Amino acid sequence: MIQQFLVKLLLSPLSLLYGIGVSIRLLLYRIGILKSIKFDLPTIAVGNLSIGGAGKSPHIEYLVRLLREYINVATLSRGYQRKTKGYLEVQRNNTATEVGDEPLQFKRKFPEVVVAVSESRTLAIPQIVSTYPNVQCILLDDAFQHLPVDPGLNILLTEYSKPFTRDWLLPSGRLREPRSGYHRADIIVVSKCPQELTLEDRIKLTKELNLYSHQQIFFSYYKYQQPYYIFQNKYRALLTQEVDVLLICAIAGSKYLIEYLEKKVGSVASLEYEDHHYFNKSDLGNLKRRYDAMDDEKKVIITTEKDAMRLAEHSEFLTKQKLPVFVLPIEVTFHDEDGDRFNNYIKDYLLKFKV
């Protein structure tokens, strides 16, 4: 704790400079020198104030599941850390290197949905509509700080265990902009909550977040599904106390995932990398050595859906070495009546939308 405090103290001058730069940009948008574009179709942005880990992609998937039965929906991401440039429509046979891991995940899970990536959302939205005039709503992934677009509905996520109210600006903390930026949100979702959440906990955190009158708050958590083999999802793994797990992941926050696994299996060892890390031959060799060193009779390798998009690029090595890599799917669930309230809020926005 003391060491963390000292690091934050040493980095605070850099955070101050970073905050000044971000605040100037926000001010230029607020006074109209820099312009935001509002489009004549429903756009729903999902993002957070921090650098990751709040669960943007699972919440985008929740919205896709909610809306695709009623309207034609598309998703738009920047395709973080892809090796290509410009506007691209994501296809199922793309690689994560070409389009980014999360957009590829969306397309493979929802092949009927239009999925696109672009650095410029202001240019990409017209291109989606031009190519697919039947699209009725666009979900903007990680777009809370993308101010050139003024979304019709702004959803801000914040983690239950690490709400933005207890965080600091980069680099001493994880915030990409000052805490005050939360005022732009229409909805605040407290994500990664424990499955057992008391009314007292809800009230306490709601007071801490200090909502504006126009804002609604909801509480969500993850439901993990049965793991499937990375190259054949008909093959499933059963997680029991007799099974020992080697977890390989490159996500912003693994604590929630590890806590879940520790309750389900005999033991959990992990190989962790920075968010969106592209696995190389050295990483795969290390995975093989760590797996072979496990003396357990029942052992399995577990990874996340996002990481599977990047691991799949090493299919030849994984199959040749007979490494049993299983993917652990997740779905967002809302606490108590929050699911119905959230669904109705989204549907109400779409029904009342006017050009």
Protein backbone atom coordinates (compact mmCIF):
# COMPACT_ATOMS: atom_id res chain seq x y z
CA MET A 1 0.00 0.00 0.00
CA ILE A 2 2.77 2.46 0.92
CA GLN A 3 4.68 1.56 -2.24
CA GLN A 4 1.59 2.14 -4.41
CA PHE A 5 1.00 5.49 -2.73
CA LEU A 6 4.61 6.57 -3.37
CA VAL A 7 4.35 5.56 -7.04
CA LYS A 8 1.15 7.60 -7.43
CA LEU A 9 2.81 10.53 -5.70
CA LEU A 10 5.81 10.40 -8.02
CA LEU A 11 3.60 10.18 -11.10
CA SER A 12 1.19 12.91 -9.99
CA PRO A 13 2.98 15.72 -11.92
CA LEU A 14 2.56 13.72 -15.13
CA SER A 15 -1.08 13.12 -14.27
CA LEU A 16 -1.52 16.86 -13.79
CA LEU A 17 -0.07 17.61 -17.22
CA TYR A 18 -2.16 14.85 -18.80
CA GLY A 19 -5.28 16.20 -17.08
CA ILE A 20 -4.63 19.72 -18.38
CA GLY A 21 -4.34 18.44 -21.94
CA VAL A 22 -7.51 16.35 -21.73
CA SER A 23 -9.44 19.19 -20.05
CA ILE A 24 -8.49 21.61 -22.82
CA ARG A 25 -9.81 19.17 -25.42
CA LEU A 26 -13.06 18.70 -23.50
CA LEU A 27 -13.44 22.48 -23.17
CA LEU A 28 -13.00 22.98 -26.93
CA TYR A 29 -15.89 20.61 -27.53
CA ARG A 30 -18.02 22.17 -24.82
CA ILE A 31 -17.70 25.72 -26.19
CA GLY A 32 -18.15 24.59 -29.78
CA ILE A 33 -14.71 25.20 -31.29
CA LEU A 34 -14.51 21.46 -31.93
CA LYS A 35 -17.76 20.03 -33.25
CA SER A 36 -19.60 16.81 -32.47
CA ILE A 37 -21.82 15.23 -35.12
CA LYS A 38 -25.24 13.84 -34.29
CA PHE A 39 -26.55 11.27 -36.76
CA ASP A 40 -30.12 10.73 -37.91
CA LEU A 41 -30.31 7.13 -36.73
CA PRO A 42 -30.05 5.72 -33.21
CA THR A 43 -26.49 5.39 -31.94
CA ILE A 44 -25.69 3.86 -28.56
CA ALA A 45 -22.18 4.35 -27.16
CA VAL A 46 -20.72 2.02 -24.54
CA GLY A 47 -17.53 3.04 -22.77
CA ASN A 48 -15.83 3.87 -19.51
CA LEU A 49 -13.62 6.48 -17.92
CA SER A 50 -10.77 4.05 -17.24
CA ILE A 51 -8.35 2.31 -19.60
CA GLY A 52 -10.21 -1.01 -19.59
CA GLY A 53 -11.54 -3.94 -17.66
CA ALA A 54 -15.09 -2.75 -17.04
CA GLY A 55 -16.64 -5.15 -19.54
CA LYS A 56 -17.51 -3.04 -22.58
CA SER A 57 -17.55 -5.95 -25.04
CA PRO A 58 -19.83 -8.24 -22.96
CA HIS A 59 -22.26 -5.33 -22.57
CA ILE A 60 -22.19 -4.67 -26.32
CA GLU A 61 -23.04 -8.35 -26.78
CA TYR A 62 -25.89 -7.99 -24.30
CA LEU A 63 -27.30 -5.15 -26.40
CA VAL A 64 -26.92 -7.19 -29.60
CA ARG A 65 -28.87 -10.08 -28.05
CA LEU A 66 -31.52 -7.68 -26.80
CA LEU A 67 -32.05 -5.84 -30.10
CA ARG A 68 -31.31 -8.21 -32.98
CA GLU A 69 -34.72 -9.89 -32.76
CA TYR A 70 -36.47 -6.56 -33.33
CA ILE A 71 -34.22 -4.38 -35.47
CA ASN A 72 -31.17 -4.54 -37.74
CA VAL A 73 -28.22 -3.64 -35.54
CA ALA A 74 -24.56 -3.00 -36.37
CA THR A 75 -21.47 -2.60 -34.18
CA LEU A 76 -18.62 -0.19 -34.78
CA SER A 77 -15.22 -0.39 -33.06
CA ARG A 78 -11.85 1.15 -33.74
CA GLY A 79 -10.24 -2.31 -33.91
CA TYR A 80 -7.69 -1.66 -31.19
CA GLN A 81 -4.14 -2.85 -32.04
CA ARG A 82 -5.09 -4.23 -35.45
CA LYS A 83 -2.35 -4.09 -38.07
CA THR A 84 -4.58 -2.55 -40.74
CA LYS A 85 -5.85 0.99 -41.30
CA GLY A 86 -9.07 2.64 -42.40
CA TYR A 87 -12.60 1.34 -42.63
CA LEU A 88 -13.08 -2.43 -42.77
CA GLU A 89 -16.14 -4.60 -42.57
CA VAL A 90 -15.31 -7.59 -40.38
CA GLN A 91 -15.74 -11.08 -41.83
CA ARG A 92 -15.72 -14.36 -39.90
CA ASN A 93 -12.57 -15.53 -41.69
CA ASN A 94 -10.61 -12.42 -40.69
CA THR A 95 -7.88 -12.64 -38.06
CA ALA A 96 -7.52 -10.55 -34.92
CA THR A 97 -4.40 -9.04 -36.48
CA GLU A 98 -6.51 -7.70 -39.35
CA VAL A 99 -9.56 -6.37 -37.49
CA GLY A 100 -8.91 -6.54 -33.73
CA ASP A 101 -9.89 -9.24 -31.26
CA GLU A 102 -13.20 -7.89 -29.95
CA PRO A 103 -14.76 -7.02 -33.36
CA LEU A 104 -13.80 -10.49 -34.60
CA GLN A 105 -15.41 -11.97 -31.51
CA PHE A 106 -18.63 -10.05 -32.25
CA LYS A 107 -18.73 -11.28 -35.85
CA ARG A 108 -18.11 -14.92 -35.02
CA LYS A 109 -20.76 -14.91 -32.30
CA PHE A 110 -23.31 -12.93 -34.33
CA PRO A 111 -22.57 -13.62 -38.01
CA GLU A 112 -25.80 -11.93 -39.17
CA VAL A 113 -24.82 -8.61 -37.57
CA VAL A 114 -22.85 -5.97 -39.47
CA VAL A 115 -19.53 -5.46 -37.67
CA ALA A 116 -17.15 -2.71 -38.78
CA VAL A 117 -13.90 -1.16 -37.59
CA SER A 118 -12.53 2.31 -38.25
CA GLU A 119 -10.35 4.89 -36.53
CA SER A 120 -12.92 7.53 -37.49
CA ARG A 121 -16.45 6.80 -36.39
CA THR A 122 -17.71 9.99 -38.05
CA LEU A 123 -16.63 8.57 -41.44
CA ALA A 124 -17.55 4.97 -40.66
CA ILE A 125 -21.18 5.55 -39.65
CA PRO A 126 -22.20 7.03 -43.05
CA GLN A 127 -20.33 4.20 -44.77
CA ILE A 128 -22.24 1.55 -42.80
CA VAL A 129 -25.56 3.24 -43.60
CA SER A 130 -24.63 3.65 -47.27
CA THR A 131 -23.67 -0.02 -47.62
CA TYR A 132 -26.49 -1.32 -45.39
CA PRO A 133 -29.43 1.13 -45.57
CA ASN A 134 -31.55 -1.31 -43.55
CA VAL A 135 -29.36 -0.84 -40.43
CA GLN A 136 -31.54 0.77 -37.77
CA CYS A 137 -29.14 1.18 -34.85
CA ILE A 138 -25.36 1.32 -34.44
CA LEU A 139 -23.62 0.24 -31.23
CA LEU A 140 -20.39 2.17 -30.66
CA ASP A 141 -17.84 0.13 -28.75
CA ASP A 142 -15.46 2.05 -26.43
CA ALA A 143 -16.76 5.42 -27.62
CA PHE A 144 -17.22 7.42 -24.43
CA GLN A 145 -14.13 9.55 -25.18
CA HIS A 146 -14.82 9.70 -28.94
CA LEU A 147 -16.34 13.18 -28.85
CA PRO A 148 -16.52 13.79 -32.64
CA VAL A 149 -19.71 11.67 -32.47
CA ASP A 150 -22.57 12.79 -30.25
CA PRO A 151 -24.39 9.51 -29.52
CA GLY A 152 -28.09 9.36 -28.97
CA LEU A 153 -27.53 7.32 -25.81
CA ASN A 154 -24.35 7.22 -23.75
CA ILE A 155 -23.71 4.21 -21.48
CA LEU A 156 -20.86 4.47 -18.98
CA LEU A 157 -19.50 1.36 -17.27
CA THR A 158 -17.63 1.37 -13.98
CA GLU A 159 -16.36 -1.65 -12.05
CA TYR A 160 -17.93 -2.51 -8.71
CA SER A 161 -14.55 -3.07 -7.05
CA LYS A 162 -12.85 -0.11 -8.77
CA PRO A 163 -15.38 2.66 -9.43
CA PHE A 164 -14.12 5.82 -11.14
CA THR A 165 -14.76 7.77 -7.93
CA ARG A 166 -11.76 6.02 -6.33
CA ASP A 167 -9.42 6.31 -9.30
CA TRP A 168 -6.91 8.86 -10.59
CA LEU A 169 -5.81 10.18 -13.94
CA LEU A 170 -3.18 8.43 -15.99
CA PRO A 171 -0.40 7.55 -15.40
CA SER A 172 -0.79 7.52 -11.60
CA GLY A 173 -4.22 5.95 -12.00
CA ARG A 174 -6.35 4.41 -14.76
CA LEU A 175 -8.63 7.30 -15.73
CA ARG A 176 -8.51 8.53 -19.32
CA GLU A 177 -10.25 11.78 -18.39
CA PRO A 178 -11.27 13.58 -15.18
CA ARG A 179 -13.96 11.96 -13.06
CA SER A 180 -16.32 14.84 -13.88
CA GLY A 181 -16.69 13.40 -17.40
CA TYR A 182 -19.32 11.01 -16.06
CA HIS A 183 -21.88 13.81 -16.44
CA ARG A 184 -22.12 12.96 -20.17
CA ALA A 185 -23.58 9.51 -19.40
CA ASP A 186 -27.30 8.80 -19.67
CA ILE A 187 -26.87 5.38 -18.08
CA ILE A 188 -24.27 4.20 -15.57
CA VAL A 189 -23.80 0.46 -15.27
CA VAL A 190 -21.87 -0.82 -12.28
CA SER A 191 -20.29 -3.93 -13.77
CA LYS A 192 -18.63 -7.05 -12.39
CA CYS A 193 -20.70 -6.96 -9.23
CA PRO A 194 -20.74 -9.97 -6.92
CA GLN A 195 -23.63 -12.31 -7.62
CA GLU A 196 -24.93 -11.64 -4.13
CA LEU A 197 -25.47 -7.89 -3.92
CA THR A 198 -27.33 -6.39 -0.97
CA LEU A 199 -29.64 -3.40 -1.09
CA GLU A 200 -27.26 -1.68 1.31
CA ASP A 201 -24.38 -2.13 -1.14
CA ARG A 202 -26.45 -0.69 -3.98
CA ILE A 203 -27.50 2.34 -1.98
CA LYS A 204 -23.96 3.00 -0.75
CA LEU A 205 -22.41 2.91 -4.22
CA THR A 206 -25.24 4.93 -5.76
CA LYS A 207 -24.61 7.68 -3.22
CA GLU A 208 -20.87 7.54 -3.92
CA LEU A 209 -21.41 7.96 -7.66
CA ASN A 210 -23.61 11.01 -7.02
CA LEU A 211 -25.82 10.73 -10.10
CA TYR A 212 -27.26 13.68 -11.98
CA SER A 213 -31.03 13.93 -12.31
CA HIS A 214 -30.96 12.74 -15.93
CA GLN A 215 -29.00 9.57 -15.15
CA GLN A 216 -30.12 6.02 -14.41
CA ILE A 217 -28.01 3.40 -12.62
CA PHE A 218 -27.98 -0.38 -13.08
CA PHE A 219 -25.94 -3.21 -11.54
CA SER A 220 -24.64 -6.13 -13.60
CA TYR A 221 -22.47 -9.22 -13.16
CA TYR A 222 -21.08 -12.04 -15.30
CA LYS A 223 -22.55 -15.49 -15.73
CA TYR A 224 -19.87 -17.87 -16.97
CA GLN A 225 -20.97 -20.60 -19.38
CA GLN A 226 -19.52 -24.07 -19.97
CA PRO A 227 -16.06 -23.89 -21.59
CA TYR A 228 -15.73 -25.13 -25.18
CA TYR A 229 -12.72 -26.36 -27.15
CA ILE A 230 -11.17 -23.46 -29.04
CA PHE A 231 -11.38 -25.14 -32.47
CA GLN A 232 -14.56 -27.20 -32.05
CA ASN A 233 -17.19 -25.68 -29.79
CA LYS A 234 -19.18 -28.93 -29.67
CA TYR A 235 -16.50 -30.30 -27.32
CA ARG A 236 -17.07 -29.06 -23.79
CA ALA A 237 -15.10 -29.15 -20.54
CA LEU A 238 -16.65 -29.73 -17.15
CA LEU A 239 -15.08 -27.63 -14.40
CA THR A 240 -15.09 -29.52 -11.10
CA GLN A 241 -12.94 -29.72 -7.98
CA GLU A 242 -11.06 -32.63 -9.59
CA VAL A 243 -9.82 -30.39 -12.41
CA ASP A 244 -6.73 -28.18 -12.29
CA VAL A 245 -6.63 -25.13 -14.55
CA LEU A 246 -3.87 -23.26 -16.31
CA LEU A 247 -5.30 -19.87 -17.28
CA ILE A 248 -3.77 -17.90 -20.13
CA CYS A 249 -5.17 -14.42 -20.62
CA ALA A 250 -4.33 -10.90 -21.76
CA ILE A 251 -7.17 -8.81 -20.37
CA ALA A 252 -7.29 -5.58 -18.38
CA GLY A 253 -8.44 -7.22 -15.15
CA SER A 254 -8.30 -10.94 -14.37
CA LYS A 255 -9.23 -10.87 -10.66
CA TYR A 256 -12.96 -11.42 -11.25
CA LEU A 257 -12.26 -14.35 -13.56
CA ILE A 258 -9.70 -15.99 -11.27
CA GLU A 259 -12.01 -15.69 -8.27
CA TYR A 260 -14.71 -17.51 -10.24
CA LEU A 261 -12.36 -20.31 -11.31
CA GLU A 262 -10.94 -20.78 -7.82
CA LYS A 263 -14.44 -21.57 -6.55
CA LYS A 264 -15.08 -24.10 -9.32
CA VAL A 265 -11.86 -26.11 -9.71
CA GLY A 266 -9.12 -27.72 -7.66
CA SER A 267 -6.40 -25.16 -8.42
CA VAL A 268 -5.66 -22.25 -10.76
CA ALA A 269 -2.29 -21.24 -12.15
CA SER A 270 -2.09 -18.35 -14.56
CA LEU A 271 -0.08 -16.87 -17.39
CA GLU A 272 -1.08 -13.21 -17.66
CA TYR A 273 -0.12 -10.56 -20.18
CA GLU A 274 -1.07 -6.95 -20.82
CA ASP A 275 -4.46 -6.25 -22.39
CA HIS A 276 -4.77 -7.22 -26.10
CA HIS A 277 -1.30 -8.81 -26.11
CA TYR A 278 -0.54 -10.73 -29.30
CA PHE A 279 0.85 -14.11 -28.29
CA ASN A 280 4.18 -15.05 -29.88
CA LYS A 281 6.17 -18.27 -30.20
CA SER A 282 7.88 -17.66 -26.86
CA ASP A 283 4.50 -17.30 -25.12
CA LEU A 284 3.22 -20.51 -26.70
CA GLY A 285 6.40 -22.35 -25.75
CA ASN A 286 5.99 -21.17 -22.17
CA LEU A 287 2.36 -22.31 -22.20
CA LYS A 288 3.46 -25.78 -23.35
CA ARG A 289 6.15 -26.02 -20.64
CA ARG A 290 3.80 -24.86 -17.88
CA TYR A 291 1.10 -27.29 -18.97
CA ASP A 292 3.50 -30.24 -19.21
CA ALA A 293 4.87 -29.42 -15.73
CA MET A 294 1.42 -29.86 -14.16
CA ASP A 295 1.35 -33.28 -12.47
CA ASP A 296 -2.41 -33.43 -12.32
CA GLU A 297 -4.38 -36.24 -13.92
CA LYS A 298 -7.21 -33.92 -14.93
CA LYS A 299 -5.86 -30.64 -16.25
CA VAL A 300 -7.06 -28.13 -18.78
CA ILE A 301 -6.05 -24.76 -20.25
CA ILE A 302 -8.66 -22.04 -19.98
CA THR A 303 -8.72 -18.73 -21.86
CA THR A 304 -11.21 -15.92 -22.46
CA GLU A 305 -13.26 -15.37 -25.60
CA LYS A 306 -11.25 -12.29 -26.48
CA ASP A 307 -7.92 -14.05 -25.99
CA ALA A 308 -9.15 -16.98 -28.08
CA MET A 309 -9.33 -14.68 -31.10
CA ARG A 310 -5.57 -14.11 -30.84
CA LEU A 311 -4.63 -17.62 -29.75
CA ALA A 312 -6.47 -19.06 -32.75
CA GLU A 313 -3.77 -17.59 -35.00
CA HIS A 314 -1.48 -20.28 -33.53
CA SER A 315 -3.81 -23.16 -34.38
CA GLU A 316 -1.07 -25.26 -35.97
CA PHE A 317 1.09 -25.18 -32.83
CA LEU A 318 -1.80 -25.75 -30.42
CA THR A 319 -3.16 -28.74 -32.34
CA LYS A 320 0.25 -30.27 -33.04
CA GLN A 321 1.18 -30.06 -29.35
CA LYS A 322 -2.28 -31.36 -28.36
CA LEU A 323 -2.84 -28.53 -25.91
CA PRO A 324 -6.42 -28.66 -24.59
CA VAL A 325 -7.30 -24.95 -24.77
CA PHE A 326 -10.89 -24.30 -23.76
CA VAL A 327 -12.69 -20.97 -24.04
CA LEU A 328 -14.78 -19.69 -21.13
CA PRO A 329 -17.79 -17.73 -22.44
CA ILE A 330 -19.51 -15.03 -20.41
CA GLU A 331 -22.85 -13.31 -20.53
CA VAL A 332 -23.91 -10.15 -18.74
CA THR A 333 -26.77 -10.48 -16.25
CA PHE A 334 -28.42 -7.66 -14.33
CA HIS A 335 -29.33 -7.78 -10.65
CA ASP A 336 -32.92 -8.05 -9.47
CA GLU A 337 -35.29 -5.96 -11.62
CA ASP A 338 -32.45 -4.04 -13.25
CA GLY A 339 -32.56 -6.27 -16.32
CA ASP A 340 -36.15 -5.37 -17.14
CA ARG A 341 -35.53 -1.72 -16.31
CA PHE A 342 -32.44 -1.57 -18.52
CA ASN A 343 -34.15 -3.36 -21.41
CA ASN A 344 -37.16 -1.06 -21.24
CA TYR A 345 -34.94 2.02 -21.10
CA ILE A 346 -33.13 0.96 -24.29
CA LYS A 347 -36.36 0.05 -26.09
CA ASP A 348 -37.98 3.31 -24.98
CA TYR A 349 -35.06 5.30 -26.41
CA LEU A 350 -35.44 3.54 -29.76
CA LEU A 351 -39.22 3.91 -29.87
CA LYS A 352 -39.05 7.63 -29.11
CA PHE A 353 -36.13 8.36 -31.43
CA LYS A 354 -36.82 11.20 -33.85
CA VAL A 355 -34.68 12.43 -36.70
